[in-house]
Amino acid sequence: MADDAKIKAQVYKDPRPAETFTAYHERVRDHGPEWIYEVVRVATMLNALLLFRARGFGSENVPDGPVILAPNHASFMDHFFCAAFVRRHIQFMAKSQMFGSGPLSWIYTHGGVFPVRRGHHDDDTFVSAFKILERGGAVGMYVEGGRSRTGTVGTEAKPGIGRLALESGATVVPVAILGSHQVRNWTRGRFPKVLVQYGEPFAVERVERSTRDQQQLVADEILSRIQAMHSEMTDLGARRATKVLGERARARQLRLAMGRAPVGAAETTDMGARPERAPLKR
């Protein structure tokens, strides 16, 4: 919207050397999130529920074991919205400018967040993410890379998330977040309703060393699933989408209570095994 609060200009390159972030990576590779994670989670969840009337649907799709949560990105609050409705400790990649001196940097690091050195090819970030997944953890990574300025889901997926899925073999859960791009309007006394939908989990066949084409194919598939969920919620509108998704959740619970096969069991595709396969049409 034209009268939305302005977003600060993006800084696309961090001039600090890679060694600046070594300690942050070492901590997340050796330690899971500490007590501060739950403190922040409770505080931000209350904020999300009370101020933004946030609602989450499909959180049962987030399995135990190694998992990659892949949300769209439109707000600095998306980390918290994505993690609010699941009991797993989600360790997000975050832009390197968030790390430095001060209490917030301490909270990020001890809460399990790890840096992506912006404007550089950063293999340290992937080493950290693979370590977390190897120990059965949960990694959060935005499929679009940067933040959307309009609230619409981007049209181009970054291949990095495809690499992480392929070379780890971890389950992927696409996540669609609606309404978060207007969270910044709290400065004007406006608090949008935010919806979070966790999609059906899926996995790809593990590949030891994936190609760029393989990575992009998987990334495109993840983005396509996010776009479908986000588009449906947008078309319905927040109020109607809340009702429709709530009805689906109750129907799913009923099916499970009746002993039917659970909906949302992770499917495995062979996109990694056949990199020549063309991306799905949207």
C-alpha atoms as a PDB file:
ATOM      1  CA  MET A   1       0.000   0.000   0.000  1.00  0.00           C
ATOM      2  CA  ALA A   2       1.169   3.521  -0.763  1.00  0.00           C
ATOM      3  CA  ASP A   3       0.704   4.701   2.815  1.00  0.00           C
ATOM      4  CA  ASP A   4       2.629   1.825   4.404  1.00  0.00           C
ATOM      5  CA  ALA A   5       5.518   2.774   6.655  1.00  0.00           C
ATOM      6  CA  LYS A   6       8.800   2.937   4.767  1.00  0.00           C
ATOM      7  CA  ILE A   7      11.357   0.128   4.922  1.00  0.00           C
ATOM      8  CA  LYS A   8      14.973   1.052   5.538  1.00  0.00           C
ATOM      9  CA  ALA A   9      17.185   0.793   2.480  1.00  0.00           C
ATOM     10  CA  GLN A  10      18.836  -2.591   2.105  1.00  0.00           C
ATOM     11  CA  VAL A  11      22.592  -2.961   2.513  1.00  0.00           C
ATOM     12  CA  TYR A  12      23.524  -5.680   0.047  1.00  0.00           C
ATOM     13  CA  LYS A  13      27.173  -6.192   0.916  1.00  0.00           C
ATOM     14  CA  ASP A  14      28.840  -6.609   4.288  1.00  0.00           C
ATOM     15  CA  PRO A  15      32.417  -5.268   4.043  1.00  0.00           C
ATOM     16  CA  ARG A  16      33.673  -7.122   7.118  1.00  0.00           C
ATOM     17  CA  PRO A  17      35.993 -10.118   6.548  1.00  0.00           C
ATOM     18  CA  ALA A  18      34.741 -13.683   6.930  1.00  0.00           C
ATOM     19  CA  GLU A  19      36.757 -14.118  10.135  1.00  0.00           C
ATOM     20  CA  THR A  20      34.418 -11.651  11.843  1.00  0.00           C
ATOM     21  CA  PHE A  21      31.712 -14.323  11.907  1.00  0.00           C
ATOM     22  CA  THR A  22      33.773 -17.404  12.788  1.00  0.00           C
ATOM     23  CA  ALA A  23      32.782 -17.393  16.458  1.00  0.00           C
ATOM     24  CA  TYR A  24      29.081 -17.185  15.590  1.00  0.00           C
ATOM     25  CA  HIS A  25      29.320 -20.210  13.315  1.00  0.00           C
ATOM     26  CA  GLU A  26      31.354 -22.219  15.801  1.00  0.00           C
ATOM     27  CA  ARG A  27      28.718 -21.718  18.476  1.00  0.00           C
ATOM     28  CA  VAL A  28      25.756 -22.939  16.415  1.00  0.00           C
ATOM     29  CA  ARG A  29      27.775 -25.905  15.124  1.00  0.00           C
ATOM     30  CA  ASP A  30      28.559 -27.036  18.670  1.00  0.00           C
ATOM     31  CA  HIS A  31      25.460 -25.848  20.543  1.00  0.00           C
ATOM     32  CA  GLY A  32      21.737 -25.921  20.022  1.00  0.00           C
ATOM     33  CA  PRO A  33      19.617 -22.882  20.945  1.00  0.00           C
ATOM     34  CA  GLU A  34      19.889 -21.961  24.617  1.00  0.00           C
ATOM     35  CA  TRP A  35      17.307 -20.797  27.169  1.00  0.00           C
ATOM     36  CA  ILE A  36      17.012 -17.397  25.542  1.00  0.00           C
ATOM     37  CA  TYR A  37      15.264 -19.041  22.574  1.00  0.00           C
ATOM     38  CA  GLU A  38      12.221 -19.939  24.692  1.00  0.00           C
ATOM     39  CA  VAL A  39      12.171 -16.512  26.361  1.00  0.00           C
ATOM     40  CA  VAL A  40      12.118 -14.773  22.986  1.00  0.00           C
ATOM     41  CA  ARG A  41       9.673 -17.292  21.566  1.00  0.00           C
ATOM     42  CA  VAL A  42       7.131 -16.772  24.345  1.00  0.00           C
ATOM     43  CA  ALA A  43       7.442 -12.973  24.177  1.00  0.00           C
ATOM     44  CA  THR A  44       7.129 -12.796  20.395  1.00  0.00           C
ATOM     45  CA  MET A  45       4.346 -15.372  20.288  1.00  0.00           C
ATOM     46  CA  LEU A  46       2.266 -13.316  22.736  1.00  0.00           C
ATOM     47  CA  ASN A  47       3.000 -10.252  20.630  1.00  0.00           C
ATOM     48  CA  ALA A  48       1.950 -12.106  17.466  1.00  0.00           C
ATOM     49  CA  LEU A  49      -1.262 -13.467  18.959  1.00  0.00           C
ATOM     50  CA  LEU A  50      -2.415 -10.337  20.741  1.00  0.00           C
ATOM     51  CA  LEU A  51      -1.338  -7.518  18.431  1.00  0.00           C
ATOM     52  CA  PHE A  52      -1.356  -9.191  15.018  1.00  0.00           C
ATOM     53  CA  ARG A  53      -4.048 -11.815  15.732  1.00  0.00           C
ATOM     54  CA  ALA A  54      -1.673 -14.328  14.159  1.00  0.00           C
ATOM     55  CA  ARG A  55      -2.968 -17.807  13.445  1.00  0.00           C
ATOM     56  CA  GLY A  56      -1.044 -20.886  12.346  1.00  0.00           C
ATOM     57  CA  PHE A  57      -2.331 -23.845  10.335  1.00  0.00           C
ATOM     58  CA  GLY A  58      -0.685 -27.163   9.480  1.00  0.00           C
ATOM     59  CA  SER A  59       1.992 -27.119  12.184  1.00  0.00           C
ATOM     60  CA  GLU A  60       1.576 -30.888  12.454  1.00  0.00           C
ATOM     61  CA  ASN A  61       3.312 -31.033   9.052  1.00  0.00           C
ATOM     62  CA  VAL A  62       6.614 -30.166  10.756  1.00  0.00           C
ATOM     63  CA  PRO A  63       8.172 -33.579  11.550  1.00  0.00           C
ATOM     64  CA  ASP A  64      10.770 -34.668  14.055  1.00  0.00           C
ATOM     65  CA  GLY A  65      14.326 -35.115  12.818  1.00  0.00           C
ATOM     66  CA  PRO A  66      16.241 -32.970  10.341  1.00  0.00           C
ATOM     67  CA  VAL A  67      13.931 -30.479   8.649  1.00  0.00           C
ATOM     68  CA  ILE A  68      14.193 -27.294   6.591  1.00  0.00           C
ATOM     69  CA  LEU A  69      11.436 -24.722   7.036  1.00  0.00           C
ATOM     70  CA  ALA A  70      11.200 -22.524   3.950  1.00  0.00           C
ATOM     71  CA  PRO A  71       8.985 -19.449   4.355  1.00  0.00           C
ATOM     72  CA  ASN A  72       8.443 -16.461   2.109  1.00  0.00           C
ATOM     73  CA  HIS A  73       9.976 -13.290   3.489  1.00  0.00           C
ATOM     74  CA  ALA A  74       8.336  -9.883   3.826  1.00  0.00           C
ATOM     75  CA  SER A  75       9.098  -8.722   7.377  1.00  0.00           C
ATOM     76  CA  PHE A  76      11.759  -8.721  10.100  1.00  0.00           C
ATOM     77  CA  MET A  77       9.109 -10.579  12.144  1.00  0.00           C
ATOM     78  CA  ASP A  78       8.903 -13.586   9.795  1.00  0.00           C
ATOM     79  CA  HIS A  79      11.479 -15.524  11.866  1.00  0.00           C
ATOM     80  CA  PHE A  80       9.144 -15.262  14.829  1.00  0.00           C
ATOM     81  CA  PHE A  81       5.875 -15.872  12.982  1.00  0.00           C
ATOM     82  CA  CYS A  82       7.318 -19.009  11.387  1.00  0.00           C
ATOM     83  CA  ALA A  83       8.565 -20.408  14.705  1.00  0.00           C
ATOM     84  CA  ALA A  84       5.598 -19.353  16.845  1.00  0.00           C
ATOM     85  CA  PHE A  85       3.338 -22.316  16.147  1.00  0.00           C
ATOM     86  CA  VAL A  86       5.793 -25.211  16.313  1.00  0.00           C
ATOM     87  CA  ARG A  87       7.605 -26.671  19.295  1.00  0.00           C
ATOM     88  CA  ARG A  88      10.778 -27.330  17.333  1.00  0.00           C
ATOM     89  CA  HIS A  89      13.660 -24.913  17.849  1.00  0.00           C
ATOM     90  CA  ILE A  90      14.112 -23.341  14.414  1.00  0.00           C
ATOM     91  CA  GLN A  91      17.631 -22.070  13.691  1.00  0.00           C
ATOM     92  CA  PHE A  92      17.417 -19.354  11.065  1.00  0.00           C
ATOM     93  CA  MET A  93      20.013 -17.981   8.735  1.00  0.00           C
ATOM     94  CA  ALA A  94      20.072 -14.186   9.037  1.00  0.00           C
ATOM     95  CA  LYS A  95      21.865 -11.369   7.261  1.00  0.00           C
ATOM     96  CA  SER A  96      25.324 -10.718   8.670  1.00  0.00           C
ATOM     97  CA  GLN A  97      24.552  -7.070   9.442  1.00  0.00           C
ATOM     98  CA  MET A  98      22.534  -8.294  12.423  1.00  0.00           C
ATOM     99  CA  PHE A  99      25.697  -9.602  14.099  1.00  0.00           C
ATOM    100  CA  GLY A 100      28.221  -7.461  15.919  1.00  0.00           C
ATOM    101  CA  SER A 101      28.420  -5.770  19.294  1.00  0.00           C
ATOM    102  CA  GLY A 102      25.446  -5.266  21.574  1.00  0.00           C
ATOM    103  CA  PRO A 103      22.801  -7.359  23.329  1.00  0.00           C
ATOM    104  CA  LEU A 104      20.802  -8.237  20.212  1.00  0.00           C
ATOM    105  CA  SER A 105      23.785  -9.995  18.655  1.00  0.00           C
ATOM    106  CA  TRP A 106      24.151 -12.049  21.851  1.00  0.00           C
ATOM    107  CA  ILE A 107      20.462 -12.977  21.733  1.00  0.00           C
ATOM    108  CA  TYR A 108      20.693 -14.038  18.074  1.00  0.00           C
ATOM    109  CA  THR A 109      23.744 -16.215  18.600  1.00  0.00           C
ATOM    110  CA  HIS A 110      22.641 -17.872  21.845  1.00  0.00           C
ATOM    111  CA  GLY A 111      19.170 -18.282  20.364  1.00  0.00           C
ATOM    112  CA  GLY A 112      20.584 -20.373  17.519  1.00  0.00           C
ATOM    113  CA  VAL A 113      20.618 -17.822  14.685  1.00  0.00           C
ATOM    114  CA  PHE A 114      23.657 -17.854  12.390  1.00  0.00           C
ATOM    115  CA  PRO A 115      24.916 -15.321   9.840  1.00  0.00           C
ATOM    116  CA  VAL A 116      24.909 -15.190   6.045  1.00  0.00           C
ATOM    117  CA  ARG A 117      27.672 -12.848   4.915  1.00  0.00           C
ATOM    118  CA  ARG A 118      25.800 -10.659   2.463  1.00  0.00           C
ATOM    119  CA  GLY A 119      27.308  -9.935  -0.904  1.00  0.00           C
ATOM    120  CA  HIS A 120      29.748 -12.856  -0.722  1.00  0.00           C
ATOM    121  CA  HIS A 121      29.801 -16.561  -1.527  1.00  0.00           C
ATOM    122  CA  ASP A 122      29.521 -17.866   2.035  1.00  0.00           C
ATOM    123  CA  ASP A 123      30.279 -21.563   2.454  1.00  0.00           C
ATOM    124  CA  ASP A 124      30.522 -21.131   6.236  1.00  0.00           C
ATOM    125  CA  THR A 125      26.762 -20.661   6.326  1.00  0.00           C
ATOM    126  CA  PHE A 126      26.185 -24.004   4.607  1.00  0.00           C
ATOM    127  CA  VAL A 127      28.673 -25.799   6.869  1.00  0.00           C
ATOM    128  CA  SER A 128      26.707 -24.511   9.874  1.00  0.00           C
ATOM    129  CA  ALA A 129      23.347 -25.487   8.356  1.00  0.00           C
ATOM    130  CA  PHE A 130      24.545 -29.009   7.502  1.00  0.00           C
ATOM    131  CA  LYS A 131      25.895 -29.456  11.049  1.00  0.00           C
ATOM    132  CA  ILE A 132      22.524 -28.498  12.530  1.00  0.00           C
ATOM    133  CA  LEU A 133      20.685 -30.915  10.245  1.00  0.00           C
ATOM    134  CA  GLU A 134      23.189 -33.706  10.922  1.00  0.00           C
ATOM    135  CA  ARG A 135      22.294 -33.613  14.594  1.00  0.00           C
ATOM    136  CA  GLY A 136      18.580 -33.743  13.778  1.00  0.00           C
ATOM    137  CA  GLY A 137      17.888 -30.029  14.081  1.00  0.00           C
ATOM    138  CA  ALA A 138      15.616 -27.630  12.227  1.00  0.00           C
ATOM    139  CA  VAL A 139      16.922 -24.908   9.899  1.00  0.00           C
ATOM    140  CA  GLY A 140      14.953 -21.920   8.653  1.00  0.00           C
ATOM    141  CA  MET A 141      15.932 -20.495   5.260  1.00  0.00           C
ATOM    142  CA  TYR A 142      14.076 -18.012   3.065  1.00  0.00           C
ATOM    143  CA  VAL A 143      13.619 -19.321  -0.441  1.00  0.00           C
ATOM    144  CA  GLU A 144      13.659 -15.822  -1.989  1.00  0.00           C
ATOM    145  CA  GLY A 145      16.781 -14.747  -0.126  1.00  0.00           C
ATOM    146  CA  GLY A 146      15.877 -11.127   0.573  1.00  0.00           C
ATOM    147  CA  ARG A 147      12.716  -9.436   1.747  1.00  0.00           C
ATOM    148  CA  SER A 148       9.720  -8.634  -0.468  1.00  0.00           C
ATOM    149  CA  ARG A 149       8.832  -4.952  -0.442  1.00  0.00           C
ATOM    150  CA  THR A 150       5.203  -5.466  -1.483  1.00  0.00           C
ATOM    151  CA  GLY A 151       4.084  -8.559   0.404  1.00  0.00           C
ATOM    152  CA  THR A 152       3.822 -10.616  -2.775  1.00  0.00           C
ATOM    153  CA  VAL A 153       5.859 -13.811  -2.999  1.00  0.00           C
ATOM    154  CA  GLY A 154       8.908 -13.448  -5.214  1.00  0.00           C
ATOM    155  CA  THR A 155       9.086 -14.986  -8.657  1.00  0.00           C
ATOM    156  CA  GLU A 156      12.683 -16.210  -8.418  1.00  0.00           C
ATOM    157  CA  ALA A 157      13.993 -18.771  -5.943  1.00  0.00           C
ATOM    158  CA  LYS A 158      17.604 -18.721  -4.797  1.00  0.00           C
ATOM    159  CA  PRO A 159      19.334 -22.063  -5.499  1.00  0.00           C
ATOM    160  CA  GLY A 160      20.953 -22.221  -2.045  1.00  0.00           C
ATOM    161  CA  ILE A 161      17.907 -23.777  -0.428  1.00  0.00           C
ATOM    162  CA  GLY A 162      17.909 -26.430  -3.161  1.00  0.00           C
ATOM    163  CA  ARG A 163      21.523 -27.249  -2.343  1.00  0.00           C
ATOM    164  CA  LEU A 164      20.704 -27.578   1.355  1.00  0.00           C
ATOM    165  CA  ALA A 165      17.763 -29.912   0.656  1.00  0.00           C
ATOM    166  CA  LEU A 166      19.654 -32.062  -1.841  1.00  0.00           C
ATOM    167  CA  GLU A 167      22.932 -32.492  -0.009  1.00  0.00           C
ATOM    168  CA  SER A 168      21.327 -33.043   3.410  1.00  0.00           C
ATOM    169  CA  GLY A 169      18.355 -35.180   2.382  1.00  0.00           C
ATOM    170  CA  ALA A 170      16.343 -33.374   5.069  1.00  0.00           C
ATOM    171  CA  THR A 171      12.578 -33.004   4.895  1.00  0.00           C
ATOM    172  CA  VAL A 172      11.411 -29.647   3.528  1.00  0.00           C
ATOM    173  CA  VAL A 173       8.318 -27.849   4.805  1.00  0.00           C
ATOM    174  CA  PRO A 174       7.242 -24.876   2.652  1.00  0.00           C
ATOM    175  CA  VAL A 175       5.691 -22.090   4.757  1.00  0.00           C
ATOM    176  CA  ALA A 176       3.440 -19.291   3.492  1.00  0.00           C
ATOM    177  CA  ILE A 177       3.109 -16.151   5.618  1.00  0.00           C
ATOM    178  CA  LEU A 178       0.353 -13.677   4.744  1.00  0.00           C
ATOM    179  CA  GLY A 179       0.146 -10.092   5.978  1.00  0.00           C
ATOM    180  CA  SER A 180       3.560  -9.707   7.586  1.00  0.00           C
ATOM    181  CA  HIS A 181       4.689  -7.048   5.096  1.00  0.00           C
ATOM    182  CA  GLN A 182       2.415  -4.578   6.906  1.00  0.00           C
ATOM    183  CA  VAL A 183       3.719  -5.347  10.381  1.00  0.00           C
ATOM    184  CA  ARG A 184       5.912  -2.255  10.091  1.00  0.00           C
ATOM    185  CA  ASN A 185       2.736  -0.162  10.235  1.00  0.00           C
ATOM    186  CA  TRP A 186       2.615  -0.703  14.000  1.00  0.00           C
ATOM    187  CA  THR A 187       4.407   2.662  14.145  1.00  0.00           C
ATOM    188  CA  ARG A 188       1.194   4.178  12.783  1.00  0.00           C
ATOM    189  CA  GLY A 189      -1.076   2.264  15.143  1.00  0.00           C
ATOM    190  CA  ARG A 190      -2.104  -0.324  12.533  1.00  0.00           C
ATOM    191  CA  PHE A 191      -1.729  -4.030  13.262  1.00  0.00           C
ATOM    192  CA  PRO A 192      -2.496  -6.369  10.331  1.00  0.00           C
ATOM    193  CA  LYS A 193      -3.775  -9.886  10.779  1.00  0.00           C
ATOM    194  CA  VAL A 194      -1.060 -12.437  10.007  1.00  0.00           C
ATOM    195  CA  LEU A 195      -1.618 -16.026   8.863  1.00  0.00           C
ATOM    196  CA  VAL A 196       1.016 -18.770   8.765  1.00  0.00           C
ATOM    197  CA  GLN A 197       0.401 -21.948   6.761  1.00  0.00           C
ATOM    198  CA  TYR A 198       2.784 -24.918   6.956  1.00  0.00           C
ATOM    199  CA  GLY A 199       2.609 -26.918   3.743  1.00  0.00           C
ATOM    200  CA  GLU A 200       2.905 -30.610   3.050  1.00  0.00           C
ATOM    201  CA  PRO A 201       6.393 -31.901   3.857  1.00  0.00           C
ATOM    202  CA  PHE A 202       8.478 -33.498   1.137  1.00  0.00           C
ATOM    203  CA  ALA A 203      12.040 -34.658   0.589  1.00  0.00           C
ATOM    204  CA  VAL A 204      14.306 -35.169  -2.393  1.00  0.00           C
ATOM    205  CA  GLU A 205      16.760 -37.983  -2.952  1.00  0.00           C
ATOM    206  CA  ARG A 206      20.063 -37.090  -1.330  1.00  0.00           C
ATOM    207  CA  VAL A 207      22.863 -36.077  -3.695  1.00  0.00           C
ATOM    208  CA  GLU A 208      26.470 -35.962  -2.496  1.00  0.00           C
ATOM    209  CA  ARG A 209      27.452 -33.045  -4.741  1.00  0.00           C
ATOM    210  CA  SER A 210      24.523 -31.330  -6.411  1.00  0.00           C
ATOM    211  CA  THR A 211      24.702 -29.323  -9.616  1.00  0.00           C
ATOM    212  CA  ARG A 212      23.412 -25.789 -10.036  1.00  0.00           C
ATOM    213  CA  ASP A 213      20.564 -27.090 -12.208  1.00  0.00           C
ATOM    214  CA  GLN A 214      19.525 -29.596  -9.550  1.00  0.00           C
ATOM    215  CA  GLN A 215      19.622 -26.926  -6.868  1.00  0.00           C
ATOM    216  CA  GLN A 216      17.512 -24.525  -8.899  1.00  0.00           C
ATOM    217  CA  LEU A 217      14.972 -27.215  -9.761  1.00  0.00           C
ATOM    218  CA  VAL A 218      14.370 -28.038  -6.106  1.00  0.00           C
ATOM    219  CA  ALA A 219      14.324 -24.363  -5.099  1.00  0.00           C
ATOM    220  CA  ASP A 220      11.729 -23.650  -7.809  1.00  0.00           C
ATOM    221  CA  GLU A 221       9.563 -26.490  -6.525  1.00  0.00           C
ATOM    222  CA  ILE A 222       9.664 -25.110  -2.981  1.00  0.00           C
ATOM    223  CA  LEU A 223       8.787 -21.615  -4.211  1.00  0.00           C
ATOM    224  CA  SER A 224       5.940 -22.992  -6.340  1.00  0.00           C
ATOM    225  CA  ARG A 225       4.381 -24.617  -3.276  1.00  0.00           C
ATOM    226  CA  ILE A 226       4.691 -21.417  -1.244  1.00  0.00           C
ATOM    227  CA  GLN A 227       3.155 -19.391  -4.071  1.00  0.00           C
ATOM    228  CA  ALA A 228       0.164 -21.741  -4.258  1.00  0.00           C
ATOM    229  CA  MET A 229      -0.569 -21.474  -0.534  1.00  0.00           C
ATOM    230  CA  HIS A 230      -0.002 -17.725  -0.410  1.00  0.00           C
ATOM    231  CA  SER A 231      -2.133 -17.108  -3.507  1.00  0.00           C
ATOM    232  CA  GLU A 232      -5.043 -19.057  -2.059  1.00  0.00           C
ATOM    233  CA  MET A 233      -4.920 -17.131   1.224  1.00  0.00           C
ATOM    234  CA  THR A 234      -4.647 -13.825  -0.650  1.00  0.00           C
ATOM    235  CA  ASP A 235      -7.656 -14.657  -2.839  1.00  0.00           C
ATOM    236  CA  LEU A 236      -9.725 -15.701   0.171  1.00  0.00           C
ATOM    237  CA  GLY A 237      -8.702 -12.762   2.317  1.00  0.00           C
ATOM    238  CA  ALA A 238      -7.426 -13.101   5.862  1.00  0.00           C
ATOM    239  CA  ARG A 239     -10.828 -13.554   7.514  1.00  0.00           C
ATOM    240  CA  ARG A 240     -12.151 -16.125   5.028  1.00  0.00           C
ATOM    241  CA  ALA A 241      -8.803 -17.931   4.880  1.00  0.00           C
ATOM    242  CA  THR A 242      -8.828 -18.300   8.675  1.00  0.00           C
ATOM    243  CA  LYS A 243     -12.185 -20.039   8.457  1.00  0.00           C
ATOM    244  CA  VAL A 244     -11.300 -22.268   5.507  1.00  0.00           C
ATOM    245  CA  LEU A 245      -7.925 -23.362   6.895  1.00  0.00           C
ATOM    246  CA  GLY A 246      -9.497 -23.961  10.302  1.00  0.00           C
ATOM    247  CA  GLU A 247     -12.113 -26.235   8.731  1.00  0.00           C
ATOM    248  CA  ARG A 248      -9.405 -28.171   6.916  1.00  0.00           C
ATOM    249  CA  ALA A 249      -7.466 -28.601  10.148  1.00  0.00           C
ATOM    250  CA  ARG A 250     -10.514 -30.006  11.913  1.00  0.00           C
ATOM    251  CA  ALA A 251     -11.200 -32.370   9.009  1.00  0.00           C
ATOM    252  CA  ARG A 252      -7.594 -33.571   9.146  1.00  0.00           C
ATOM    253  CA  GLN A 253      -7.856 -34.237  12.869  1.00  0.00           C
ATOM    254  CA  LEU A 254     -11.076 -36.169  12.285  1.00  0.00           C
ATOM    255  CA  ARG A 255      -9.421 -38.350   9.643  1.00  0.00           C
ATOM    256  CA  LEU A 256      -6.602 -39.125  12.024  1.00  0.00           C
ATOM    257  CA  ALA A 257      -9.037 -39.920  14.827  1.00  0.00           C
ATOM    258  CA  MET A 258     -10.812 -42.351  12.495  1.00  0.00           C
ATOM    259  CA  GLY A 259      -7.545 -44.183  11.903  1.00  0.00           C
ATOM    260  CA  ARG A 260      -6.988 -43.119   8.314  1.00  0.00           C
ATOM    261  CA  ALA A 261      -3.532 -42.544   6.886  1.00  0.00           C
ATOM    262  CA  PRO A 262      -2.197 -39.222   8.167  1.00  0.00           C
ATOM    263  CA  VAL A 263      -2.245 -36.367   5.716  1.00  0.00           C
ATOM    264  CA  GLY A 264       1.087 -34.609   5.410  1.00  0.00           C
ATOM    265  CA  ALA A 265       3.468 -37.580   5.621  1.00  0.00           C
ATOM    266  CA  ALA A 266       6.630 -36.584   3.845  1.00  0.00           C
ATOM    267  CA  GLU A 267       6.769 -37.566   0.204  1.00  0.00           C
ATOM    268  CA  THR A 268      10.037 -38.271  -1.553  1.00  0.00           C
ATOM    269  CA  THR A 269      10.685 -37.039  -5.064  1.00  0.00           C
ATOM    270  CA  ASP A 270      13.521 -37.940  -7.396  1.00  0.00           C
ATOM    271  CA  MET A 271      14.300 -34.407  -8.518  1.00  0.00           C
ATOM    272  CA  GLY A 272      17.817 -34.911  -7.280  1.00  0.00           C
ATOM    273  CA  ALA A 273      18.244 -38.120  -9.243  1.00  0.00           C
ATOM    274  CA  ARG A 274      17.079 -36.557 -12.519  1.00  0.00           C
ATOM    275  CA  PRO A 275      18.520 -33.062 -12.808  1.00  0.00           C
ATOM    276  CA  GLU A 276      17.605 -32.858 -16.459  1.00  0.00           C
ATOM    277  CA  ARG A 277      13.925 -32.781 -15.582  1.00  0.00           C
ATOM    278  CA  ALA A 278      12.417 -29.369 -16.429  1.00  0.00           C
ATOM    279  CA  PRO A 279      10.952 -27.262 -13.601  1.00  0.00           C
ATOM    280  CA  LEU A 280       7.229 -27.659 -13.096  1.00  0.00           C
ATOM    281  CA  LYS A 281       5.110 -25.101 -14.900  1.00  0.00           C
ATOM    282  CA  ARG A 282       3.215 -22.670 -12.691  1.00  0.00           C
END
